[in-house]
Amino acid sequence: MNSQKHSKKLVVRINQAIYSLMYKQAKDIS
């Protein structure tokens, strides 16, 4: 259960990183 919680946290962090990257790119384009 602990490892599952950890992996979920990791996915959230990855999603946040991707979102911030895409947001940065979108800002640069416009």
PDB file of N, CA and C in Angstrom:
ATOM      1  N   MET A   1       0.835  -1.203   0.000  1.00  0.00           N
ATOM      2  CA  MET A   1       0.000   0.000   0.000  1.00  0.00           C
ATOM      3  C   MET A   1       0.878   1.265   0.000  1.00  0.00           C
ATOM      4  N   ASN A   2       1.954   1.208   0.763  1.00  0.00           N
ATOM      5  CA  ASN A   2       2.840   2.359   0.840  1.00  0.00           C
ATOM      6  C   ASN A   2       3.468   2.667  -0.514  1.00  0.00           C
ATOM      7  N   SER A   3       3.896   1.617  -1.217  1.00  0.00           N
ATOM      8  CA  SER A   3       4.524   1.810  -2.526  1.00  0.00           C
ATOM      9  C   SER A   3       3.511   2.369  -3.520  1.00  0.00           C
ATOM     10  N   GLN A   4       2.258   1.941  -3.395  1.00  0.00           N
ATOM     11  CA  GLN A   4       1.208   2.434  -4.299  1.00  0.00           C
ATOM     12  C   GLN A   4       1.004   3.938  -4.079  1.00  0.00           C
ATOM     13  N   LYS A   5       1.018   4.336  -2.834  1.00  0.00           N
ATOM     14  CA  LYS A   5       0.853   5.744  -2.498  1.00  0.00           C
ATOM     15  C   LYS A   5       2.017   6.550  -3.066  1.00  0.00           C
ATOM     16  N   HIS A   6       3.198   5.977  -2.968  1.00  0.00           N
ATOM     17  CA  HIS A   6       4.405   6.654  -3.447  1.00  0.00           C
ATOM     18  C   HIS A   6       4.345   6.835  -4.960  1.00  0.00           C
ATOM     19  N   SER A   7       3.936   5.799  -5.671  1.00  0.00           N
ATOM     20  CA  SER A   7       3.881   5.870  -7.137  1.00  0.00           C
ATOM     21  C   SER A   7       2.828   6.889  -7.571  1.00  0.00           C
ATOM     22  N   LYS A   8       1.746   6.972  -6.809  1.00  0.00           N
ATOM     23  CA  LYS A   8       0.692   7.937  -7.152  1.00  0.00           C
ATOM     24  C   LYS A   8       1.243   9.355  -7.010  1.00  0.00           C
ATOM     25  N   LYS A   9       2.044   9.562  -5.956  1.00  0.00           N
ATOM     26  CA  LYS A   9       2.653  10.871  -5.735  1.00  0.00           C
ATOM     27  C   LYS A   9       3.581  11.203  -6.899  1.00  0.00           C
ATOM     28  N   LEU A  10       4.307  10.199  -7.357  1.00  0.00           N
ATOM     29  CA  LEU A  10       5.255  10.386  -8.458  1.00  0.00           C
ATOM     30  C   LEU A  10       4.514  10.791  -9.727  1.00  0.00           C
ATOM     31  N   VAL A  11       3.382  10.120  -9.995  1.00  0.00           N
ATOM     32  CA  VAL A  11       2.582  10.432 -11.185  1.00  0.00           C
ATOM     33  C   VAL A  11       2.100  11.877 -11.116  1.00  0.00           C
ATOM     34  N   VAL A  12       1.673  12.296  -9.947  1.00  0.00           N
ATOM     35  CA  VAL A  12       1.178  13.671  -9.782  1.00  0.00           C
ATOM     36  C   VAL A  12       2.298  14.662 -10.074  1.00  0.00           C
ATOM     37  N   ARG A  13       3.496  14.364  -9.574  1.00  0.00           N
ATOM     38  CA  ARG A  13       4.634  15.268  -9.795  1.00  0.00           C
ATOM     39  C   ARG A  13       4.991  15.328 -11.271  1.00  0.00           C
ATOM     40  N   ILE A  14       4.937  14.182 -11.941  1.00  0.00           N
ATOM     41  CA  ILE A  14       5.243  14.136 -13.379  1.00  0.00           C
ATOM     42  C   ILE A  14       4.196  14.942 -14.144  1.00  0.00           C
ATOM     43  N   ASN A  15       2.926  14.764 -13.776  1.00  0.00           N
ATOM     44  CA  ASN A  15       1.847  15.506 -14.443  1.00  0.00           C
ATOM     45  C   ASN A  15       2.049  17.009 -14.253  1.00  0.00           C
ATOM     46  N   GLN A  16       2.444  17.416 -13.061  1.00  0.00           N
ATOM     47  CA  GLN A  16       2.670  18.838 -12.791  1.00  0.00           C
ATOM     48  C   GLN A  16       3.820  19.363 -13.632  1.00  0.00           C
ATOM     49  N   ALA A  17       4.871  18.552 -13.783  1.00  0.00           N
ATOM     50  CA  ALA A  17       6.029  18.957 -14.572  1.00  0.00           C
ATOM     51  C   ALA A  17       5.645  19.132 -16.037  1.00  0.00           C
ATOM     52  N   ILE A  18       4.865  18.186 -16.554  1.00  0.00           N
ATOM     53  CA  ILE A  18       4.423  18.249 -17.950  1.00  0.00           C
ATOM     54  C   ILE A  18       3.524  19.472 -18.143  1.00  0.00           C
ATOM     55  N   TYR A  19       2.623  19.701 -17.207  1.00  0.00           N
ATOM     56  CA  TYR A  19       1.703  20.833 -17.301  1.00  0.00           C
ATOM     57  C   TYR A  19       2.468  22.149 -17.304  1.00  0.00           C
ATOM     58  N   SER A  20       3.438  22.278 -16.419  1.00  0.00           N
ATOM     59  CA  SER A  20       4.216  23.516 -16.350  1.00  0.00           C
ATOM     60  C   SER A  20       5.039  23.710 -17.616  1.00  0.00           C
ATOM     61  N   LEU A  21       5.553  22.611 -18.178  1.00  0.00           N
ATOM     62  CA  LEU A  21       6.323  22.696 -19.426  1.00  0.00           C
ATOM     63  C   LEU A  21       5.428  23.180 -20.567  1.00  0.00           C
ATOM     64  N   MET A  22       4.252  22.588 -20.678  1.00  0.00           N
ATOM     65  CA  MET A  22       3.311  22.959 -21.736  1.00  0.00           C
ATOM     66  C   MET A  22       2.866  24.409 -21.555  1.00  0.00           C
ATOM     67  N   TYR A  23       2.642  24.815 -20.322  1.00  0.00           N
ATOM     68  CA  TYR A  23       2.228  26.181 -20.028  1.00  0.00           C
ATOM     69  C   TYR A  23       3.324  27.155 -20.450  1.00  0.00           C
ATOM     70  N   LYS A  24       4.570  26.800 -20.165  1.00  0.00           N
ATOM     71  CA  LYS A  24       5.719  27.632 -20.539  1.00  0.00           C
ATOM     72  C   LYS A  24       5.779  27.784 -22.059  1.00  0.00           C
ATOM     73  N   GLN A  25       5.624  26.660 -22.774  1.00  0.00           N
ATOM     74  CA  GLN A  25       5.684  26.684 -24.238  1.00  0.00           C
ATOM     75  C   GLN A  25       4.562  27.543 -24.805  1.00  0.00           C
ATOM     76  N   ALA A  26       3.368  27.362 -24.275  1.00  0.00           N
ATOM     77  CA  ALA A  26       2.208  28.120 -24.758  1.00  0.00           C
ATOM     78  C   ALA A  26       2.437  29.621 -24.536  1.00  0.00           C
ATOM     79  N   LYS A  27       3.055  29.958 -23.429  1.00  0.00           N
ATOM     80  CA  LYS A  27       3.347  31.359 -23.115  1.00  0.00           C
ATOM     81  C   LYS A  27       4.372  31.905 -24.107  1.00  0.00           C
ATOM     82  N   ASP A  28       5.363  31.100 -24.442  1.00  0.00           N
ATOM     83  CA  ASP A  28       6.410  31.538 -25.370  1.00  0.00           C
ATOM     84  C   ASP A  28       5.856  31.748 -26.773  1.00  0.00           C
ATOM     85  N   ILE A  29       4.915  30.881 -27.176  1.00  0.00           N
ATOM     86  CA  ILE A  29       4.355  30.956 -28.531  1.00  0.00           C
ATOM     87  C   ILE A  29       3.531  32.243 -28.700  1.00  0.00           C
ATOM     88  N   SER A  30       2.698  32.537 -27.722  1.00  0.00           N
ATOM     89  CA  SER A  30       1.825  33.708 -27.848  1.00  0.00           C
ATOM     90  C   SER A  30       2.506  34.995 -27.372  1.00  0.00           C
TER      91      SER A  30
END
